[in-house]
Amino acid sequence: MPVNPELRLRGRLVRSLGQLRDMLPGSFVVRYRKCGKANCRCAQGKLLHAQFQLSLLLEGKRKTFHIPAELAEEARRGVEMHKRFQQAAGRICQLNLRRFLRGKEKPAEQEPD
């Protein structure tokens, strides 16, 4: 019996969600700024310091969290995982809606007049 390609795709998407368990909400932001020290390389506006942040809505308010440089790449990956999660969830919902609507139409077609 052939497997429905939509079911196969949905199954693949659902199984892939386990890989996203370390996802983080929000946006990963890199800002460049001066540190304020007179003798620092950044004092003339060149070679500014990178500052890493995670920006998100928390309890309806915009919150920004400082991310240490050693965790920046992990945070960037976590935010990217969340984007992939949202895309997969949207695709799964589209497939489910299409299947639901097709199932809804079939009984109406099979009813005798």
PDB file of N, CA and C in Angstrom:
ATOM      1  N   MET A   1       0.853  -1.167   0.000  1.00  0.00           N
ATOM      2  CA  MET A   1       0.000   0.000   0.000  1.00  0.00           C
ATOM      3  C   MET A   1       0.906   1.240   0.000  1.00  0.00           C
ATOM      4  N   PRO A   2       0.739   2.142  -0.961  1.00  0.00           N
ATOM      5  CA  PRO A   2       1.589   3.336  -1.028  1.00  0.00           C
ATOM      6  C   PRO A   2       1.304   4.278   0.143  1.00  0.00           C
ATOM      7  N   VAL A   3       2.352   4.916   0.621  1.00  0.00           N
ATOM      8  CA  VAL A   3       2.224   5.858   1.729  1.00  0.00           C
ATOM      9  C   VAL A   3       1.941   7.244   1.163  1.00  0.00           C
ATOM     10  N   ASN A   4       1.003   7.922   1.774  1.00  0.00           N
ATOM     11  CA  ASN A   4       0.648   9.281   1.365  1.00  0.00           C
ATOM     12  C   ASN A   4       1.864  10.188   1.550  1.00  0.00           C
ATOM     13  N   PRO A   5       2.283  10.909   0.505  1.00  0.00           N
ATOM     14  CA  PRO A   5       3.453  11.786   0.625  1.00  0.00           C
ATOM     15  C   PRO A   5       3.288  12.876   1.684  1.00  0.00           C
ATOM     16  N   GLU A   6       2.055  13.364   1.879  1.00  0.00           N
ATOM     17  CA  GLU A   6       1.825  14.375   2.908  1.00  0.00           C
ATOM     18  C   GLU A   6       2.050  13.798   4.297  1.00  0.00           C
ATOM     19  N   LEU A   7       1.596  12.553   4.521  1.00  0.00           N
ATOM     20  CA  LEU A   7       1.814  11.915   5.813  1.00  0.00           C
ATOM     21  C   LEU A   7       3.299  11.661   6.057  1.00  0.00           C
ATOM     22  N   ARG A   8       3.990  11.271   5.012  1.00  0.00           N
ATOM     23  CA  ARG A   8       5.426  11.030   5.126  1.00  0.00           C
ATOM     24  C   ARG A   8       6.155  12.333   5.491  1.00  0.00           C
ATOM     25  N   LEU A   9       5.792  13.435   4.825  1.00  0.00           N
ATOM     26  CA  LEU A   9       6.399  14.728   5.105  1.00  0.00           C
ATOM     27  C   LEU A   9       6.075  15.171   6.532  1.00  0.00           C
ATOM     28  N   ARG A  10       4.826  15.017   6.932  1.00  0.00           N
ATOM     29  CA  ARG A  10       4.436  15.402   8.287  1.00  0.00           C
ATOM     30  C   ARG A  10       5.200  14.592   9.326  1.00  0.00           C
ATOM     31  N   GLY A  11       5.346  13.312   9.109  1.00  0.00           N
ATOM     32  CA  GLY A  11       6.105  12.458  10.018  1.00  0.00           C
ATOM     33  C   GLY A  11       7.559  12.890  10.119  1.00  0.00           C
ATOM     34  N   ARG A  12       8.145  13.210   8.970  1.00  0.00           N
ATOM     35  CA  ARG A  12       9.537  13.671   8.956  1.00  0.00           C
ATOM     36  C   ARG A  12       9.680  14.981   9.742  1.00  0.00           C
ATOM     37  N   LEU A  13       8.742  15.894   9.538  1.00  0.00           N
ATOM     38  CA  LEU A  13       8.780  17.178  10.248  1.00  0.00           C
ATOM     39  C   LEU A  13       8.632  16.978  11.758  1.00  0.00           C
ATOM     40  N   VAL A  14       7.706  16.132  12.169  1.00  0.00           N
ATOM     41  CA  VAL A  14       7.486  15.891  13.593  1.00  0.00           C
ATOM     42  C   VAL A  14       8.728  15.247  14.215  1.00  0.00           C
ATOM     43  N   ARG A  15       9.311  14.282  13.533  1.00  0.00           N
ATOM     44  CA  ARG A  15      10.527  13.632  14.060  1.00  0.00           C
ATOM     45  C   ARG A  15      11.688  14.614  14.164  1.00  0.00           C
ATOM     46  N   SER A  16      11.753  15.567  13.255  1.00  0.00           N
ATOM     47  CA  SER A  16      12.863  16.526  13.273  1.00  0.00           C
ATOM     48  C   SER A  16      12.759  17.513  14.434  1.00  0.00           C
ATOM     49  N   LEU A  17      11.587  17.652  15.028  1.00  0.00           N
ATOM     50  CA  LEU A  17      11.410  18.620  16.106  1.00  0.00           C
ATOM     51  C   LEU A  17      12.255  18.272  17.330  1.00  0.00           C
ATOM     52  N   GLY A  18      12.555  17.003  17.541  1.00  0.00           N
ATOM     53  CA  GLY A  18      13.388  16.599  18.672  1.00  0.00           C
ATOM     54  C   GLY A  18      14.777  17.202  18.623  1.00  0.00           C
ATOM     55  N   GLN A  19      15.261  17.487  17.437  1.00  0.00           N
ATOM     56  CA  GLN A  19      16.585  18.080  17.274  1.00  0.00           C
ATOM     57  C   GLN A  19      16.600  19.534  17.736  1.00  0.00           C
ATOM     58  N   LEU A  20      15.440  20.112  17.959  1.00  0.00           N
ATOM     59  CA  LEU A  20      15.329  21.530  18.275  1.00  0.00           C
ATOM     60  C   LEU A  20      15.107  21.769  19.772  1.00  0.00           C
ATOM     61  N   ARG A  21      15.447  20.812  20.614  1.00  0.00           N
ATOM     62  CA  ARG A  21      15.137  20.920  22.035  1.00  0.00           C
ATOM     63  C   ARG A  21      15.882  22.058  22.737  1.00  0.00           C
ATOM     64  N   ASP A  22      16.962  22.580  22.161  1.00  0.00           N
ATOM     65  CA  ASP A  22      17.721  23.671  22.769  1.00  0.00           C
ATOM     66  C   ASP A  22      17.379  25.026  22.167  1.00  0.00           C
ATOM     67  N   MET A  23      16.196  25.127  21.548  1.00  0.00           N
ATOM     68  CA  MET A  23      15.832  26.382  20.892  1.00  0.00           C
ATOM     69  C   MET A  23      15.595  27.490  21.908  1.00  0.00           C
ATOM     70  N   LEU A  24      15.808  28.707  21.457  1.00  0.00           N
ATOM     71  CA  LEU A  24      15.609  29.905  22.275  1.00  0.00           C
ATOM     72  C   LEU A  24      14.688  30.872  21.543  1.00  0.00           C
ATOM     73  N   PRO A  25      13.794  31.529  22.269  1.00  0.00           N
ATOM     74  CA  PRO A  25      12.918  32.505  21.623  1.00  0.00           C
ATOM     75  C   PRO A  25      13.649  33.811  21.379  1.00  0.00           C
ATOM     76  N   GLY A  26      13.073  34.654  20.557  1.00  0.00           N
ATOM     77  CA  GLY A  26      13.576  36.007  20.377  1.00  0.00           C
ATOM     78  C   GLY A  26      14.530  36.174  19.219  1.00  0.00           C
ATOM     79  N   SER A  27      15.307  37.245  19.316  1.00  0.00           N
ATOM     80  CA  SER A  27      16.270  37.595  18.275  1.00  0.00           C
ATOM     81  C   SER A  27      17.657  37.676  18.888  1.00  0.00           C
ATOM     82  N   PHE A  28      18.636  37.200  18.139  1.00  0.00           N
ATOM     83  CA  PHE A  28      20.030  37.324  18.549  1.00  0.00           C
ATOM     84  C   PHE A  28      20.552  38.619  17.952  1.00  0.00           C
ATOM     85  N   VAL A  29      21.108  39.476  18.797  1.00  0.00           N
ATOM     86  CA  VAL A  29      21.528  40.813  18.368  1.00  0.00           C
ATOM     87  C   VAL A  29      23.005  41.004  18.704  1.00  0.00           C
ATOM     88  N   VAL A  30      23.754  41.574  17.758  1.00  0.00           N
ATOM     89  CA  VAL A  30      25.135  41.970  18.007  1.00  0.00           C
ATOM     90  C   VAL A  30      25.196  43.482  17.872  1.00  0.00           C
ATOM     91  N   ARG A  31      25.649  44.135  18.915  1.00  0.00           N
ATOM     92  CA  ARG A  31      25.817  45.584  18.902  1.00  0.00           C
ATOM     93  C   ARG A  31      27.302  45.891  19.075  1.00  0.00           C
ATOM     94  N   TYR A  32      27.727  46.947  18.452  1.00  0.00           N
ATOM     95  CA  TYR A  32      29.124  47.377  18.575  1.00  0.00           C
ATOM     96  C   TYR A  32      29.136  48.720  19.291  1.00  0.00           C
ATOM     97  N   ARG A  33      29.997  48.826  20.316  1.00  0.00           N
ATOM     98  CA  ARG A  33      29.997  50.041  21.130  1.00  0.00           C
ATOM     99  C   ARG A  33      31.391  50.347  21.662  1.00  0.00           C
ATOM    100  N   LYS A  34      31.533  51.565  22.147  1.00  0.00           N
ATOM    101  CA  LYS A  34      32.753  51.981  22.839  1.00  0.00           C
ATOM    102  C   LYS A  34      32.618  51.570  24.306  1.00  0.00           C
ATOM    103  N   CYS A  35      33.739  51.236  24.913  1.00  0.00           N
ATOM    104  CA  CYS A  35      33.706  50.831  26.320  1.00  0.00           C
ATOM    105  C   CYS A  35      33.838  52.021  27.266  1.00  0.00           C
ATOM    106  N   GLY A  36      34.337  53.154  26.785  1.00  0.00           N
ATOM    107  CA  GLY A  36      34.466  54.339  27.617  1.00  0.00           C
ATOM    108  C   GLY A  36      35.860  54.562  28.184  1.00  0.00           C
ATOM    109  N   LYS A  37      36.759  53.610  28.007  1.00  0.00           N
ATOM    110  CA  LYS A  37      38.128  53.792  28.493  1.00  0.00           C
ATOM    111  C   LYS A  37      38.900  54.664  27.506  1.00  0.00           C
ATOM    112  N   ALA A  38      39.581  55.671  28.009  1.00  0.00           N
ATOM    113  CA  ALA A  38      40.278  56.636  27.154  1.00  0.00           C
ATOM    114  C   ALA A  38      41.401  56.017  26.324  1.00  0.00           C
ATOM    115  N   ASN A  39      42.072  55.013  26.845  1.00  0.00           N
ATOM    116  CA  ASN A  39      43.214  54.416  26.145  1.00  0.00           C
ATOM    117  C   ASN A  39      42.856  53.154  25.358  1.00  0.00           C
ATOM    118  N   CYS A  40      41.597  52.843  25.265  1.00  0.00           N
ATOM    119  CA  CYS A  40      41.187  51.615  24.567  1.00  0.00           C
ATOM    120  C   CYS A  40      41.202  51.823  23.057  1.00  0.00           C
ATOM    121  N   ARG A  41      41.307  50.735  22.339  1.00  0.00           N
ATOM    122  CA  ARG A  41      41.318  50.773  20.866  1.00  0.00           C
ATOM    123  C   ARG A  41      40.031  51.372  20.308  1.00  0.00           C
ATOM    124  N   CYS A  42      38.957  51.327  21.088  1.00  0.00           N
ATOM    125  CA  CYS A  42      37.660  51.810  20.606  1.00  0.00           C
ATOM    126  C   CYS A  42      37.476  53.314  20.799  1.00  0.00           C
ATOM    127  N   ALA A  43      38.374  53.966  21.502  1.00  0.00           N
ATOM    128  CA  ALA A  43      38.206  55.385  21.835  1.00  0.00           C
ATOM    129  C   ALA A  43      38.087  56.271  20.598  1.00  0.00           C
ATOM    130  N   GLN A  44      38.763  55.913  19.505  1.00  0.00           N
ATOM    131  CA  GLN A  44      38.681  56.694  18.273  1.00  0.00           C
ATOM    132  C   GLN A  44      37.546  56.220  17.358  1.00  0.00           C
ATOM    133  N   GLY A  45      36.717  55.331  17.854  1.00  0.00           N
ATOM    134  CA  GLY A  45      35.588  54.867  17.054  1.00  0.00           C
ATOM    135  C   GLY A  45      35.930  53.721  16.119  1.00  0.00           C
ATOM    136  N   LYS A  46      37.133  53.178  16.234  1.00  0.00           N
ATOM    137  CA  LYS A  46      37.541  52.040  15.403  1.00  0.00           C
ATOM    138  C   LYS A  46      37.628  50.804  16.280  1.00  0.00           C
ATOM    139  N   LEU A  47      37.406  49.658  15.681  1.00  0.00           N
ATOM    140  CA  LEU A  47      37.489  48.386  16.404  1.00  0.00           C
ATOM    141  C   LEU A  47      36.633  48.406  17.672  1.00  0.00           C
ATOM    142  N   LEU A  48      35.367  48.706  17.492  1.00  0.00           N
ATOM    143  CA  LEU A  48      34.447  48.735  18.622  1.00  0.00           C
ATOM    144  C   LEU A  48      34.263  47.341  19.202  1.00  0.00           C
ATOM    145  N   HIS A  49      33.804  47.294  20.433  1.00  0.00           N
ATOM    146  CA  HIS A  49      33.591  46.020  21.124  1.00  0.00           C
ATOM    147  C   HIS A  49      32.232  45.438  20.741  1.00  0.00           C
ATOM    148  N   ALA A  50      32.203  44.142  20.498  1.00  0.00           N
ATOM    149  CA  ALA A  50      30.941  43.462  20.200  1.00  0.00           C
ATOM    150  C   ALA A  50      30.235  43.150  21.515  1.00  0.00           C
ATOM    151  N   GLN A  51      28.947  43.393  21.535  1.00  0.00           N
ATOM    152  CA  GLN A  51      28.122  43.066  22.688  1.00  0.00           C
ATOM    153  C   GLN A  51      26.990  42.190  22.166  1.00  0.00           C
ATOM    154  N   PHE A  52      26.796  41.033  22.773  1.00  0.00           N
ATOM    155  CA  PHE A  52      25.805  40.066  22.307  1.00  0.00           C
ATOM    156  C   PHE A  52      24.580  40.118  23.209  1.00  0.00           C
ATOM    157  N   GLN A  53      23.403  40.082  22.570  1.00  0.00           N
ATOM    158  CA  GLN A  53      22.152  40.190  23.316  1.00  0.00           C
ATOM    159  C   GLN A  53      21.103  39.243  22.746  1.00  0.00           C
ATOM    160  N   LEU A  54      20.197  38.854  23.617  1.00  0.00           N
ATOM    161  CA  LEU A  54      19.015  38.103  23.231  1.00  0.00           C
ATOM    162  C   LEU A  54      17.838  39.019  23.537  1.00  0.00           C
ATOM    163  N   SER A  55      17.064  39.352  22.523  1.00  0.00           N
ATOM    164  CA  SER A  55      15.950  40.281  22.670  1.00  0.00           C
ATOM    165  C   SER A  55      14.645  39.529  22.425  1.00  0.00           C
ATOM    166  N   LEU A  56      13.682  39.665  23.354  1.00  0.00           N
ATOM    167  CA  LEU A  56      12.422  38.942  23.199  1.00  0.00           C
ATOM    168  C   LEU A  56      11.309  39.612  23.991  1.00  0.00           C
ATOM    169  N   LEU A  57      10.095  39.207  23.698  1.00  0.00           N
ATOM    170  CA  LEU A  57       8.941  39.648  24.483  1.00  0.00           C
ATOM    171  C   LEU A  57       8.763  38.676  25.636  1.00  0.00           C
ATOM    172  N   LEU A  58       8.708  39.209  26.840  1.00  0.00           N
ATOM    173  CA  LEU A  58       8.521  38.394  28.032  1.00  0.00           C
ATOM    174  C   LEU A  58       7.433  39.052  28.861  1.00  0.00           C
ATOM    175  N   GLU A  59       6.335  38.333  29.051  1.00  0.00           N
ATOM    176  CA  GLU A  59       5.179  38.860  29.767  1.00  0.00           C
ATOM    177  C   GLU A  59       4.676  40.158  29.130  1.00  0.00           C
ATOM    178  N   GLY A  60       4.710  40.208  27.809  1.00  0.00           N
ATOM    179  CA  GLY A  60       4.200  41.343  27.061  1.00  0.00           C
ATOM    180  C   GLY A  60       5.129  42.537  26.969  1.00  0.00           C
ATOM    181  N   LYS A  61       6.329  42.421  27.513  1.00  0.00           N
ATOM    182  CA  LYS A  61       7.270  43.538  27.485  1.00  0.00           C
ATOM    183  C   LYS A  61       8.556  43.096  26.798  1.00  0.00           C
ATOM    184  N   ARG A  62       9.153  44.027  26.056  1.00  0.00           N
ATOM    185  CA  ARG A  62      10.426  43.759  25.382  1.00  0.00           C
ATOM    186  C   ARG A  62      11.534  43.670  26.424  1.00  0.00           C
ATOM    187  N   LYS A  63      12.253  42.552  26.452  1.00  0.00           N
ATOM    188  CA  LYS A  63      13.369  42.350  27.376  1.00  0.00           C
ATOM    189  C   LYS A  63      14.622  42.049  26.559  1.00  0.00           C
ATOM    190  N   THR A  64      15.741  42.545  27.026  1.00  0.00           N
ATOM    191  CA  THR A  64      17.021  42.292  26.377  1.00  0.00           C
ATOM    192  C   THR A  64      17.971  41.718  27.420  1.00  0.00           C
ATOM    193  N   PHE A  65      18.581  40.591  27.080  1.00  0.00           N
ATOM    194  CA  PHE A  65      19.498  39.924  27.988  1.00  0.00           C
ATOM    195  C   PHE A  65      20.902  39.943  27.399  1.00  0.00           C
ATOM    196  N   HIS A  66      21.865  40.318  28.220  1.00  0.00           N
ATOM    197  CA  HIS A  66      23.266  40.290  27.799  1.00  0.00           C
ATOM    198  C   HIS A  66      23.705  38.830  27.702  1.00  0.00           C
ATOM    199  N   ILE A  67      24.423  38.498  26.648  1.00  0.00           N
ATOM    200  CA  ILE A  67      24.952  37.150  26.444  1.00  0.00           C
ATOM    201  C   ILE A  67      26.475  37.231  26.473  1.00  0.00           C
ATOM    202  N   PRO A  68      27.133  36.484  27.369  1.00  0.00           N
ATOM    203  CA  PRO A  68      28.601  36.482  27.369  1.00  0.00           C
ATOM    204  C   PRO A  68      29.140  35.983  26.033  1.00  0.00           C
ATOM    205  N   ALA A  69      30.286  36.494  25.637  1.00  0.00           N
ATOM    206  CA  ALA A  69      30.876  36.151  24.337  1.00  0.00           C
ATOM    207  C   ALA A  69      31.037  34.647  24.168  1.00  0.00           C
ATOM    208  N   GLU A  70      31.380  33.941  25.244  1.00  0.00           N
ATOM    209  CA  GLU A  70      31.599  32.493  25.131  1.00  0.00           C
ATOM    210  C   GLU A  70      30.307  31.714  24.901  1.00  0.00           C
ATOM    211  N   LEU A  71      29.158  32.340  25.114  1.00  0.00           N
ATOM    212  CA  LEU A  71      27.864  31.680  24.866  1.00  0.00           C
ATOM    213  C   LEU A  71      27.149  32.235  23.639  1.00  0.00           C
ATOM    214  N   ALA A  72      27.776  33.179  22.948  1.00  0.00           N
ATOM    215  CA  ALA A  72      27.132  33.854  21.825  1.00  0.00           C
ATOM    216  C   ALA A  72      26.741  32.877  20.720  1.00  0.00           C
ATOM    217  N   GLU A  73      27.624  31.994  20.339  1.00  0.00           N
ATOM    218  CA  GLU A  73      27.316  31.066  19.240  1.00  0.00           C
ATOM    219  C   GLU A  73      26.206  30.091  19.636  1.00  0.00           C
ATOM    220  N   GLU A  74      26.208  29.652  20.870  1.00  0.00           N
ATOM    221  CA  GLU A  74      25.147  28.776  21.364  1.00  0.00           C
ATOM    222  C   GLU A  74      23.794  29.496  21.320  1.00  0.00           C
ATOM    223  N   ALA A  75      23.785  30.763  21.727  1.00  0.00           N
ATOM    224  CA  ALA A  75      22.548  31.553  21.684  1.00  0.00           C
ATOM    225  C   ALA A  75      22.089  31.760  20.244  1.00  0.00           C
ATOM    226  N   ARG A  76      23.019  32.046  19.353  1.00  0.00           N
ATOM    227  CA  ARG A  76      22.679  32.234  17.934  1.00  0.00           C
ATOM    228  C   ARG A  76      22.041  30.954  17.363  1.00  0.00           C
ATOM    229  N   ARG A  77      22.631  29.809  17.679  1.00  0.00           N
ATOM    230  CA  ARG A  77      22.073  28.528  17.204  1.00  0.00           C
ATOM    231  C   ARG A  77      20.692  28.279  17.790  1.00  0.00           C
ATOM    232  N   GLY A  78      20.513  28.605  19.085  1.00  0.00           N
ATOM    233  CA  GLY A  78      19.211  28.405  19.729  1.00  0.00           C
ATOM    234  C   GLY A  78      18.112  29.221  19.088  1.00  0.00           C
ATOM    235  N   VAL A  79      18.414  30.458  18.736  1.00  0.00           N
ATOM    236  CA  VAL A  79      17.430  31.320  18.073  1.00  0.00           C
ATOM    237  C   VAL A  79      17.127  30.783  16.673  1.00  0.00           C
ATOM    238  N   GLU A  80      18.145  30.326  15.960  1.00  0.00           N
ATOM    239  CA  GLU A  80      17.938  29.748  14.628  1.00  0.00           C
ATOM    240  C   GLU A  80      17.082  28.483  14.714  1.00  0.00           C
ATOM    241  N   MET A  81      17.300  27.679  15.754  1.00  0.00           N
ATOM    242  CA  MET A  81      16.474  26.477  15.957  1.00  0.00           C
ATOM    243  C   MET A  81      15.011  26.863  16.140  1.00  0.00           C
ATOM    244  N   HIS A  82      14.751  27.946  16.872  1.00  0.00           N
ATOM    245  CA  HIS A  82      13.373  28.380  17.089  1.00  0.00           C
ATOM    246  C   HIS A  82      12.721  28.786  15.769  1.00  0.00           C
ATOM    247  N   LYS A  83      13.481  29.434  14.905  1.00  0.00           N
ATOM    248  CA  LYS A  83      12.948  29.802  13.586  1.00  0.00           C
ATOM    249  C   LYS A  83      12.592  28.553  12.792  1.00  0.00           C
ATOM    250  N   ARG A  84      13.463  27.533  12.849  1.00  0.00           N
ATOM    251  CA  ARG A  84      13.175  26.284  12.136  1.00  0.00           C
ATOM    252  C   ARG A  84      11.952  25.598  12.734  1.00  0.00           C
ATOM    253  N   PHE A  85      11.798  25.670  14.052  1.00  0.00           N
ATOM    254  CA  PHE A  85      10.630  25.104  14.715  1.00  0.00           C
ATOM    255  C   PHE A  85       9.350  25.775  14.211  1.00  0.00           C
ATOM    256  N   GLN A  86       9.362  27.101  14.146  1.00  0.00           N
ATOM    257  CA  GLN A  86       8.181  27.825  13.678  1.00  0.00           C
ATOM    258  C   GLN A  86       7.839  27.460  12.238  1.00  0.00           C
ATOM    259  N   GLN A  87       8.857  27.316  11.394  1.00  0.00           N
ATOM    260  CA  GLN A  87       8.618  26.932  10.002  1.00  0.00           C
ATOM    261  C   GLN A  87       8.033  25.528   9.923  1.00  0.00           C
ATOM    262  N   ALA A  88       8.593  24.588  10.694  1.00  0.00           N
ATOM    263  CA  ALA A  88       8.097  23.213  10.686  1.00  0.00           C
ATOM    264  C   ALA A  88       6.671  23.158  11.224  1.00  0.00           C
ATOM    265  N   ALA A  89       6.402  23.883  12.315  1.00  0.00           N
ATOM    266  CA  ALA A  89       5.053  23.887  12.887  1.00  0.00           C
ATOM    267  C   ALA A  89       4.040  24.453  11.888  1.00  0.00           C
ATOM    268  N   GLY A  90       4.422  25.509  11.197  1.00  0.00           N
ATOM    269  CA  GLY A  90       3.530  26.080  10.182  1.00  0.00           C
ATOM    270  C   GLY A  90       3.248  25.099   9.061  1.00  0.00           C
ATOM    271  N   ARG A  91       4.283  24.396   8.627  1.00  0.00           N
ATOM    272  CA  ARG A  91       4.121  23.405   7.542  1.00  0.00           C
ATOM    273  C   ARG A  91       3.236  22.242   7.992  1.00  0.00           C
ATOM    274  N   ILE A  92       3.434  21.772   9.234  1.00  0.00           N
ATOM    275  CA  ILE A  92       2.611  20.682   9.771  1.00  0.00           C
ATOM    276  C   ILE A  92       1.150  21.122   9.836  1.00  0.00           C
ATOM    277  N   CYS A  93       0.900  22.350  10.288  1.00  0.00           N
ATOM    278  CA  CYS A  93      -0.476  22.860  10.364  1.00  0.00           C
ATOM    279  C   CYS A  93      -1.116  22.945   8.975  1.00  0.00           C
ATOM    280  N   GLN A  94      -0.340  23.377   7.979  1.00  0.00           N
ATOM    281  CA  GLN A  94      -0.868  23.437   6.607  1.00  0.00           C
ATOM    282  C   GLN A  94      -1.261  22.043   6.122  1.00  0.00           C
ATOM    283  N   LEU A  95      -0.384  21.073   6.360  1.00  0.00           N
ATOM    284  CA  LEU A  95      -0.681  19.700   5.940  1.00  0.00           C
ATOM    285  C   LEU A  95      -1.911  19.166   6.661  1.00  0.00           C
ATOM    286  N   ASN A  96      -1.999  19.409   7.961  1.00  0.00           N
ATOM    287  CA  ASN A  96      -3.151  18.937   8.728  1.00  0.00           C
ATOM    288  C   ASN A  96      -4.441  19.590   8.262  1.00  0.00           C
ATOM    289  N   LEU A  97      -4.405  20.882   7.968  1.00  0.00           N
ATOM    290  CA  LEU A  97      -5.597  21.578   7.494  1.00  0.00           C
ATOM    291  C   LEU A  97      -6.048  21.015   6.147  1.00  0.00           C
ATOM    292  N   ARG A  98      -5.098  20.816   5.256  1.00  0.00           N
ATOM    293  CA  ARG A  98      -5.432  20.261   3.942  1.00  0.00           C
ATOM    294  C   ARG A  98      -6.070  18.878   4.082  1.00  0.00           C
ATOM    295  N   ARG A  99      -5.500  18.027   4.940  1.00  0.00           N
ATOM    296  CA  ARG A  99      -6.056  16.681   5.156  1.00  0.00           C
ATOM    297  C   ARG A  99      -7.432  16.772   5.813  1.00  0.00           C
ATOM    298  N   PHE A 100      -7.581  17.672   6.777  1.00  0.00           N
ATOM    299  CA  PHE A 100      -8.858  17.834   7.466  1.00  0.00           C
ATOM    300  C   PHE A 100      -9.949  18.263   6.491  1.00  0.00           C
ATOM    301  N   LEU A 101      -9.637  19.251   5.653  1.00  0.00           N
ATOM    302  CA  LEU A 101     -10.636  19.746   4.704  1.00  0.00           C
ATOM    303  C   LEU A 101     -10.994  18.698   3.664  1.00  0.00           C
ATOM    304  N   ARG A 102     -10.005  17.917   3.230  1.00  0.00           N
ATOM    305  CA  ARG A 102     -10.302  16.827   2.282  1.00  0.00           C
ATOM    306  C   ARG A 102     -11.190  15.780   2.934  1.00  0.00           C
ATOM    307  N   GLY A 103     -10.932  15.460   4.195  1.00  0.00           N
ATOM    308  CA  GLY A 103     -11.747  14.484   4.922  1.00  0.00           C
ATOM    309  C   GLY A 103     -13.161  14.979   5.143  1.00  0.00           C
ATOM    310  N   LYS A 104     -13.310  16.259   5.333  1.00  0.00           N
ATOM    311  CA  LYS A 104     -14.615  16.870   5.527  1.00  0.00           C
ATOM    312  C   LYS A 104     -15.438  16.799   4.243  1.00  0.00           C
ATOM    313  N   GLU A 105     -14.772  16.927   3.089  1.00  0.00           N
ATOM    314  CA  GLU A 105     -15.470  16.898   1.799  1.00  0.00           C
ATOM    315  C   GLU A 105     -15.892  15.488   1.413  1.00  0.00           C
ATOM    316  N   LYS A 106     -15.116  14.494   1.758  1.00  0.00           N
ATOM    317  CA  LYS A 106     -15.403  13.116   1.328  1.00  0.00           C
ATOM    318  C   LYS A 106     -16.739  12.588   1.834  1.00  0.00           C
ATOM    319  N   PRO A 107     -17.096  12.718   3.123  1.00  0.00           N
ATOM    320  CA  PRO A 107     -18.398  12.198   3.552  1.00  0.00           C
ATOM    321  C   PRO A 107     -19.566  12.868   2.843  1.00  0.00           C
ATOM    322  N   ALA A 108     -19.461  14.151   2.536  1.00  0.00           N
ATOM    323  CA  ALA A 108     -20.537  14.850   1.843  1.00  0.00           C
ATOM    324  C   ALA A 108     -20.737  14.294   0.446  1.00  0.00           C
ATOM    325  N   GLU A 109     -19.650  13.895  -0.196  1.00  0.00           N
ATOM    326  CA  GLU A 109     -19.717  13.334  -1.543  1.00  0.00           C
ATOM    327  C   GLU A 109     -20.313  11.943  -1.537  1.00  0.00           C
ATOM    328  N   GLN A 110     -20.151  11.202  -0.428  1.00  0.00           N
ATOM    329  CA  GLN A 110     -20.587   9.824  -0.381  1.00  0.00           C
ATOM    330  C   GLN A 110     -22.033   9.689   0.068  1.00  0.00           C
ATOM    331  N   GLU A 111     -22.635  10.757   0.583  1.00  0.00           N
ATOM    332  CA  GLU A 111     -24.021  10.677   1.045  1.00  0.00           C
ATOM    333  C   GLU A 111     -24.965  10.556  -0.157  1.00  0.00           C
ATOM    334  N   PRO A 112     -25.958   9.662  -0.056  1.00  0.00           N
ATOM    335  CA  PRO A 112     -26.924   9.547  -1.164  1.00  0.00           C
ATOM    336  C   PRO A 112     -27.886  10.739  -1.166  1.00  0.00           C
ATOM    337  N   ASP A 113     -28.372  11.079  -2.362  1.00  0.00           N
ATOM    338  CA  ASP A 113     -29.308  12.211  -2.510  1.00  0.00           C
ATOM    339  C   ASP A 113     -30.685  11.837  -2.089  1.00  0.00           C
TER     340      ASP A 113
END
